[in-house]
Amino acid sequence: YILGIRNLVVEGGDKITKNFLERGLFNQVYLFRSPKKIPIKKNHLSFTSMTLLLGKKNHTKSKATYKLAKDTISIYKR
């Protein structure tokens, strides 16, 4: 904030998302979803942060949902 930074985009997977959500370090979350099925392999991680995103601690609500071709983007605001 001292440097004049007001917005920061953090792109990551489940671990980084979970850390930001647990610490309440967000104002908005843009969640992109694709209907494309990825074969699950041993090192594949699933997105498990949805319960944190919608949990009582974060008090988030869906602001808007849009279709982008076959994909969907949902914006959650705290």
C-alpha atoms as a PDB file:
ATOM      1  CA  TYR A   1       0.000   0.000   0.000  1.00  0.00           C
ATOM      2  CA  ILE A   2       2.856   2.359   0.805  1.00  0.00           C
ATOM      3  CA  LEU A   3       4.244   1.787  -2.707  1.00  0.00           C
ATOM      4  CA  GLY A   4       0.932   2.761  -4.283  1.00  0.00           C
ATOM      5  CA  ILE A   5      -0.141  -0.786  -5.139  1.00  0.00           C
ATOM      6  CA  ARG A   6      -3.907  -1.095  -4.890  1.00  0.00           C
ATOM      7  CA  ASN A   7      -4.563  -4.217  -6.970  1.00  0.00           C
ATOM      8  CA  LEU A   8      -2.668  -7.464  -7.175  1.00  0.00           C
ATOM      9  CA  VAL A   9      -3.459 -10.474  -9.331  1.00  0.00           C
ATOM     10  CA  VAL A  10      -2.408 -13.810  -7.890  1.00  0.00           C
ATOM     11  CA  GLU A  11      -2.715 -16.775 -10.218  1.00  0.00           C
ATOM     12  CA  GLY A  12      -2.227 -20.152  -8.699  1.00  0.00           C
ATOM     13  CA  GLY A  13      -3.543 -23.548  -7.916  1.00  0.00           C
ATOM     14  CA  ASP A  14      -5.149 -25.029  -4.874  1.00  0.00           C
ATOM     15  CA  LYS A  15      -2.325 -24.432  -2.385  1.00  0.00           C
ATOM     16  CA  ILE A  16      -1.797 -20.726  -3.065  1.00  0.00           C
ATOM     17  CA  THR A  17      -5.557 -20.143  -3.258  1.00  0.00           C
ATOM     18  CA  LYS A  18      -6.099 -21.932   0.038  1.00  0.00           C
ATOM     19  CA  ASN A  19      -3.410 -19.820   1.751  1.00  0.00           C
ATOM     20  CA  PHE A  20      -4.939 -16.547   0.556  1.00  0.00           C
ATOM     21  CA  LEU A  21      -8.456 -17.632   1.531  1.00  0.00           C
ATOM     22  CA  GLU A  22      -7.441 -18.890   4.984  1.00  0.00           C
ATOM     23  CA  ARG A  23      -5.738 -15.582   5.738  1.00  0.00           C
ATOM     24  CA  GLY A  24      -8.493 -13.420   4.239  1.00  0.00           C
ATOM     25  CA  LEU A  25      -6.041 -11.733   1.861  1.00  0.00           C
ATOM     26  CA  PHE A  26      -8.499 -10.989  -0.919  1.00  0.00           C
ATOM     27  CA  ASN A  27     -11.347  -8.705  -1.908  1.00  0.00           C
ATOM     28  CA  GLN A  28     -12.380 -10.525  -5.068  1.00  0.00           C
ATOM     29  CA  VAL A  29     -11.786 -13.981  -6.495  1.00  0.00           C
ATOM     30  CA  TYR A  30     -12.155 -14.733 -10.201  1.00  0.00           C
ATOM     31  CA  LEU A  31     -12.758 -18.447 -10.600  1.00  0.00           C
ATOM     32  CA  PHE A  32     -12.368 -19.868 -14.105  1.00  0.00           C
ATOM     33  CA  ARG A  33     -13.934 -23.254 -14.820  1.00  0.00           C
ATOM     34  CA  SER A  34     -13.672 -25.382 -17.885  1.00  0.00           C
ATOM     35  CA  PRO A  35     -15.813 -28.374 -18.800  1.00  0.00           C
ATOM     36  CA  LYS A  36     -12.670 -30.039 -20.155  1.00  0.00           C
ATOM     37  CA  LYS A  37     -11.883 -33.253 -18.293  1.00  0.00           C
ATOM     38  CA  ILE A  38      -8.259 -33.766 -17.353  1.00  0.00           C
ATOM     39  CA  PRO A  39      -7.143 -37.333 -16.683  1.00  0.00           C
ATOM     40  CA  ILE A  40      -6.341 -37.721 -12.993  1.00  0.00           C
ATOM     41  CA  LYS A  41      -2.777 -38.824 -12.417  1.00  0.00           C
ATOM     42  CA  LYS A  42      -0.800 -39.462  -9.266  1.00  0.00           C
ATOM     43  CA  ASN A  43       0.587 -35.899  -9.090  1.00  0.00           C
ATOM     44  CA  HIS A  44      -2.700 -34.212 -10.085  1.00  0.00           C
ATOM     45  CA  LEU A  45      -4.301 -31.970  -7.440  1.00  0.00           C
ATOM     46  CA  SER A  46      -7.988 -31.138  -7.319  1.00  0.00           C
ATOM     47  CA  PHE A  47      -9.333 -27.706  -6.415  1.00  0.00           C
ATOM     48  CA  THR A  48     -10.440 -28.093  -2.804  1.00  0.00           C
ATOM     49  CA  SER A  49     -10.771 -24.440  -1.778  1.00  0.00           C
ATOM     50  CA  MET A  50     -14.412 -23.943  -2.762  1.00  0.00           C
ATOM     51  CA  THR A  51     -15.645 -24.612   0.795  1.00  0.00           C
ATOM     52  CA  LEU A  52     -13.185 -22.010   2.100  1.00  0.00           C
ATOM     53  CA  LEU A  53     -14.288 -19.509  -0.519  1.00  0.00           C
ATOM     54  CA  LEU A  54     -17.957 -19.861   0.364  1.00  0.00           C
ATOM     55  CA  GLY A  55     -17.461 -20.468   4.094  1.00  0.00           C
ATOM     56  CA  LYS A  56     -18.734 -18.251   6.887  1.00  0.00           C
ATOM     57  CA  LYS A  57     -15.234 -16.994   7.706  1.00  0.00           C
ATOM     58  CA  ASN A  58     -14.819 -15.226   4.349  1.00  0.00           C
ATOM     59  CA  HIS A  59     -18.435 -14.079   3.916  1.00  0.00           C
ATOM     60  CA  THR A  60     -18.167 -14.230   0.150  1.00  0.00           C
ATOM     61  CA  LYS A  61     -20.996 -14.154  -2.304  1.00  0.00           C
ATOM     62  CA  SER A  62     -21.146 -14.643  -6.024  1.00  0.00           C
ATOM     63  CA  LYS A  63     -21.131 -11.242  -7.670  1.00  0.00           C
ATOM     64  CA  ALA A  64     -21.537 -12.440 -11.249  1.00  0.00           C
ATOM     65  CA  THR A  65     -21.118 -15.443 -13.503  1.00  0.00           C
ATOM     66  CA  TYR A  66     -20.294 -15.206 -17.194  1.00  0.00           C
ATOM     67  CA  LYS A  67     -19.849 -17.685 -20.032  1.00  0.00           C
ATOM     68  CA  LEU A  68     -16.647 -17.429 -22.058  1.00  0.00           C
ATOM     69  CA  ALA A  69     -17.132 -19.844 -24.952  1.00  0.00           C
ATOM     70  CA  LYS A  70     -17.379 -23.209 -23.155  1.00  0.00           C
ATOM     71  CA  ASP A  71     -15.724 -21.901 -19.989  1.00  0.00           C
ATOM     72  CA  THR A  72     -17.338 -20.109 -17.061  1.00  0.00           C
ATOM     73  CA  ILE A  73     -15.964 -17.297 -14.926  1.00  0.00           C
ATOM     74  CA  SER A  74     -17.486 -16.595 -11.526  1.00  0.00           C
ATOM     75  CA  ILE A  75     -16.564 -13.506  -9.539  1.00  0.00           C
ATOM     76  CA  TYR A  76     -16.809 -13.739  -5.768  1.00  0.00           C
ATOM     77  CA  LYS A  77     -16.637 -10.629  -3.630  1.00  0.00           C
ATOM     78  CA  ARG A  78     -15.937 -10.387   0.066  1.00  0.00           C
END
